[in-house]
Amino acid sequence: MKKKNVMQRIILIMIALIAISAGVSYFILEPEKPWLAFYAACCGGVLIINLVIMLIFIRKNFK
């Protein structure tokens, strides 16, 4: 039970950090290179989706 909580907390922290960094990089890069800003935001979104799927499987398999 303790491993499950630690793993979930780590994944949630990673999701938050990726979301913050993707948002910041989007707003910093947007004036100069809008295509690069969109690409960086999409890459962050894909990473977040993968981590959410991981979180779902962890919750399902550790019951």
C-alpha atoms as a PDB file:
ATOM      1  CA  MET A   1       0.000   0.000   0.000  1.00  0.00           C
ATOM      2  CA  LYS A   2       2.815   2.360   0.811  1.00  0.00           C
ATOM      3  CA  LYS A   3       4.546   1.735  -2.536  1.00  0.00           C
ATOM      4  CA  LYS A   4       1.328   2.597  -4.348  1.00  0.00           C
ATOM      5  CA  ASN A   5       0.988   5.942  -2.584  1.00  0.00           C
ATOM      6  CA  VAL A   6       4.626   6.872  -3.179  1.00  0.00           C
ATOM      7  CA  MET A   7       4.453   5.977  -6.872  1.00  0.00           C
ATOM      8  CA  GLN A   8       1.206   7.890  -7.345  1.00  0.00           C
ATOM      9  CA  ARG A   9       2.604  10.951  -5.604  1.00  0.00           C
ATOM     10  CA  ILE A  10       5.750  10.901  -7.748  1.00  0.00           C
ATOM     11  CA  ILE A  11       3.727  10.605 -10.954  1.00  0.00           C
ATOM     12  CA  LEU A  12       1.383  13.423  -9.907  1.00  0.00           C
ATOM     13  CA  ILE A  13       4.362  15.671  -9.137  1.00  0.00           C
ATOM     14  CA  MET A  14       5.869  14.834 -12.537  1.00  0.00           C
ATOM     15  CA  ILE A  15       2.559  15.678 -14.238  1.00  0.00           C
ATOM     16  CA  ALA A  16       2.440  19.039 -12.466  1.00  0.00           C
ATOM     17  CA  LEU A  17       6.045  19.887 -13.347  1.00  0.00           C
ATOM     18  CA  ILE A  18       5.578  18.947 -16.998  1.00  0.00           C
ATOM     19  CA  ALA A  19       2.364  20.977 -17.230  1.00  0.00           C
ATOM     20  CA  ILE A  20       4.041  24.038 -15.722  1.00  0.00           C
ATOM     21  CA  SER A  21       7.120  23.746 -17.924  1.00  0.00           C
ATOM     22  CA  ALA A  22       5.039  23.196 -21.091  1.00  0.00           C
ATOM     23  CA  GLY A  23       2.927  26.249 -20.313  1.00  0.00           C
ATOM     24  CA  VAL A  24       5.921  28.436 -19.551  1.00  0.00           C
ATOM     25  CA  SER A  25       7.790  27.304 -22.645  1.00  0.00           C
ATOM     26  CA  TYR A  26       4.715  27.978 -24.786  1.00  0.00           C
ATOM     27  CA  PHE A  27       4.360  31.564 -23.581  1.00  0.00           C
ATOM     28  CA  ILE A  28       8.096  32.259 -23.800  1.00  0.00           C
ATOM     29  CA  LEU A  29       8.520  30.870 -27.326  1.00  0.00           C
ATOM     30  CA  GLU A  30       5.226  32.096 -28.799  1.00  0.00           C
ATOM     31  CA  PRO A  31       6.279  35.618 -29.899  1.00  0.00           C
ATOM     32  CA  GLU A  32       9.433  34.439 -31.689  1.00  0.00           C
ATOM     33  CA  LYS A  33       8.561  31.010 -33.063  1.00  0.00           C
ATOM     34  CA  PRO A  34       4.890  30.080 -32.753  1.00  0.00           C
ATOM     35  CA  TRP A  35       5.353  26.662 -34.412  1.00  0.00           C
ATOM     36  CA  LEU A  36       8.070  25.715 -31.917  1.00  0.00           C
ATOM     37  CA  ALA A  37       5.897  26.869 -29.016  1.00  0.00           C
ATOM     38  CA  PHE A  38       3.021  24.733 -30.244  1.00  0.00           C
ATOM     39  CA  TYR A  39       5.349  21.750 -30.714  1.00  0.00           C
ATOM     40  CA  ALA A  40       6.763  22.091 -27.180  1.00  0.00           C
ATOM     41  CA  ALA A  41       3.260  22.343 -25.701  1.00  0.00           C
ATOM     42  CA  CYS A  42       2.117  19.271 -27.645  1.00  0.00           C
ATOM     43  CA  CYS A  43       5.133  17.269 -26.478  1.00  0.00           C
ATOM     44  CA  GLY A  44       4.301  18.183 -22.878  1.00  0.00           C
ATOM     45  CA  GLY A  45       0.697  17.136 -23.465  1.00  0.00           C
ATOM     46  CA  VAL A  46       1.747  13.752 -24.821  1.00  0.00           C
ATOM     47  CA  LEU A  47       3.966  13.165 -21.796  1.00  0.00           C
ATOM     48  CA  ILE A  48       1.115  14.081 -19.466  1.00  0.00           C
ATOM     49  CA  ILE A  49      -1.261  11.698 -21.259  1.00  0.00           C
ATOM     50  CA  ASN A  50       1.284   8.881 -20.931  1.00  0.00           C
ATOM     51  CA  LEU A  51       1.735   9.557 -17.220  1.00  0.00           C
ATOM     52  CA  VAL A  52      -2.036   9.614 -16.655  1.00  0.00           C
ATOM     53  CA  ILE A  53      -2.343   6.235 -18.370  1.00  0.00           C
ATOM     54  CA  MET A  54       0.461   4.961 -16.146  1.00  0.00           C
ATOM     55  CA  LEU A  55      -1.362   6.298 -13.101  1.00  0.00           C
ATOM     56  CA  ILE A  56      -4.566   4.496 -14.120  1.00  0.00           C
ATOM     57  CA  PHE A  57      -2.721   1.183 -14.513  1.00  0.00           C
ATOM     58  CA  ILE A  58      -0.945   1.617 -11.178  1.00  0.00           C
ATOM     59  CA  ARG A  59      -4.240   2.244  -9.401  1.00  0.00           C
ATOM     60  CA  LYS A  60      -5.818  -0.751 -11.128  1.00  0.00           C
ATOM     61  CA  ASN A  61      -3.008  -3.263 -10.533  1.00  0.00           C
ATOM     62  CA  PHE A  62      -2.135  -2.422  -6.925  1.00  0.00           C
ATOM     63  CA  LYS A  63      -5.583  -3.230  -5.523  1.00  0.00           C
END
